[in-house]
Protein backbone atom coordinates (compact mmCIF):
# COMPACT_ATOMS: atom_id res chain seq x y z
CA MET A 1 83.46 94.68 99.16
CA LYS A 2 83.22 91.40 101.04
CA ARG A 3 83.72 91.81 104.75
CA VAL A 4 83.70 88.69 106.95
CA THR A 5 83.74 85.41 105.01
CA GLY A 6 83.64 82.94 107.92
CA ILE A 7 84.94 82.13 111.38
CA GLY A 8 88.67 81.54 111.34
CA GLY A 9 89.00 80.51 114.96
CA ILE A 10 87.77 80.58 118.52
CA PHE A 11 90.37 81.43 121.14
CA PHE A 12 89.83 81.59 124.89
CA LYS A 13 91.77 81.72 128.13
CA SER A 14 92.08 78.79 130.51
CA PRO A 15 93.86 78.42 133.85
CA ASP A 16 95.23 75.09 132.55
CA PRO A 17 95.17 74.80 128.73
CA LYS A 18 96.84 71.36 128.70
CA ARG A 19 94.25 69.91 131.08
CA LEU A 20 91.45 71.48 129.07
CA CYS A 21 92.85 70.13 125.79
CA ALA A 22 93.05 66.65 127.32
CA TRP A 23 89.41 66.88 128.43
CA TYR A 24 88.24 67.92 124.95
CA ARG A 25 90.41 65.20 123.38
CA ASP A 26 89.25 62.47 125.76
CA HIS A 27 85.57 63.40 126.02
CA LEU A 28 84.70 65.07 122.71
CA GLY A 29 87.26 63.42 120.45
CA LEU A 30 89.06 66.61 119.36
CA ASP A 31 92.36 65.85 117.63
CA VAL A 32 94.52 68.24 119.69
CA ALA A 33 97.84 68.94 117.96
CA ASP A 34 101.20 69.31 119.74
CA TRP A 35 100.91 73.11 119.49
CA GLY A 36 97.79 72.97 121.71
CA GLY A 37 94.85 73.45 119.38
CA VAL A 38 92.67 71.79 116.76
CA ILE A 39 92.32 72.51 113.06
CA PHE A 40 88.89 71.78 111.60
CA SER A 41 89.37 71.55 107.82
CA TRP A 42 86.40 72.14 105.58
CA GLY A 43 85.46 72.70 101.99
CA GLY A 44 84.60 70.38 99.17
CA PRO A 45 84.75 70.03 95.43
CA ASP A 46 82.54 73.09 94.87
CA SER A 47 84.04 75.37 97.52
CA THR A 48 87.37 76.84 98.53
CA PRO A 49 89.17 74.75 101.15
CA GLY A 50 89.58 76.34 104.54
CA MET A 51 89.85 75.71 108.24
CA THR A 52 88.62 76.87 111.61
CA LEU A 53 90.87 76.72 114.67
CA TRP A 54 89.97 75.93 118.26
CA SER A 55 92.67 76.89 120.73
CA PRO A 56 92.81 77.55 124.47
CA PHE A 57 95.44 80.05 125.63
CA ALA A 58 97.14 80.35 129.02
CA ALA A 59 95.11 82.37 131.52
CA ASP A 60 97.85 84.99 131.73
CA THR A 61 98.16 85.56 127.95
CA GLU A 62 98.27 89.15 126.77
CA TYR A 63 97.24 88.15 123.23
CA MET A 64 93.65 89.31 123.79
CA ALA A 65 94.69 92.67 125.31
CA PRO A 66 93.53 95.37 125.50
CA SER A 67 90.27 93.44 125.98
CA SER A 68 89.61 91.97 129.41
CA ALA A 69 87.45 89.22 127.89
CA THR A 70 88.59 85.62 128.25
CA PHE A 71 87.86 84.87 124.58
CA MET A 72 88.50 86.21 121.11
CA VAL A 73 86.76 85.39 117.84
CA ASN A 74 88.86 85.32 114.68
CA PHE A 75 86.94 86.16 111.48
CA ARG A 76 88.19 85.24 108.01
CA VAL A 77 88.23 88.24 105.67
CA ALA A 78 88.84 88.57 101.93
CA ASP A 79 90.82 91.85 101.93
CA LEU A 80 92.28 92.89 105.29
CA ASP A 81 93.56 96.30 104.19
CA ALA A 82 90.27 97.34 102.59
CA LEU A 83 88.25 96.18 105.59
CA LEU A 84 90.50 97.94 108.13
CA ALA A 85 90.26 101.14 106.08
CA ALA A 86 86.46 100.85 105.92
CA LEU A 87 86.22 100.22 109.66
CA ARG A 88 88.40 103.24 110.40
CA ALA A 89 86.25 105.40 108.09
CA GLU A 90 83.17 104.18 109.97
CA GLY A 91 84.66 105.33 113.27
CA CYS A 92 85.47 101.88 114.66
CA ASN A 93 88.27 101.33 117.18
CA VAL A 94 90.84 99.66 114.89
CA LEU A 95 94.20 98.79 116.46
CA ASP A 96 97.19 100.26 114.62
CA LYS A 97 99.15 97.00 114.64
CA THR A 98 98.93 94.33 111.92
CA ASP A 99 100.90 91.10 111.64
CA ALA A 100 101.91 88.88 108.73
CA SER A 101 103.27 85.33 108.77
CA GLU A 102 103.04 82.13 106.76
CA GLN A 103 99.56 81.73 108.30
CA GLY A 104 98.36 84.95 106.64
CA ARG A 105 97.74 88.55 107.65
CA PHE A 106 96.07 89.71 110.87
CA GLY A 107 94.46 92.93 112.11
CA TRP A 108 92.25 93.77 115.08
CA VAL A 109 89.22 95.87 115.96
CA ILE A 110 87.62 96.45 119.36
CA ASP A 111 83.84 95.98 119.44
CA PRO A 112 81.52 98.33 121.38
CA ASP A 113 81.65 96.00 124.43
CA GLY A 114 85.47 96.17 124.50
CA ASN A 115 86.07 92.71 122.99
CA LYS A 116 89.12 92.34 120.75
CA ILE A 117 88.13 90.83 117.39
CA GLU A 118 90.85 89.34 115.19
CA LEU A 119 90.53 89.73 111.41
CA TRP A 120 92.44 87.15 109.36
CA GLU A 121 93.22 87.23 105.67
CA PRO A 122 94.40 83.68 104.88
CA PRO A 123 97.28 83.16 102.49
CA PRO A 124 96.32 82.64 98.84
CA GLY A 125 94.72 79.24 98.24
CA GLN A 126 93.33 78.86 101.75
């Protein structure tokens, strides 16, 4: 079974996400979208297209809870259900909640340092 297939995104807290986005736009040339993040598209004729997100969150977001870390890595996965089942069988701290939307399916595991890791199964074709 494939486990992680790539990095789906890097998310982190900021006391002022709009200011930080402007700095990255102005100084590093990131194409910050209206929703407050950047999509890096990748892939070519011999690979499956995909993307990696970069997105600051408000400092008071609860999205990364129960972790107290100011960041969260999102890993692309091929089969979310199979991976979550394998992680549970291996004794990992898998959160009971999963989400689904037009962006795909999401699940979470807490690493040994207490960091929340997001697992993302993209929709078909991504």
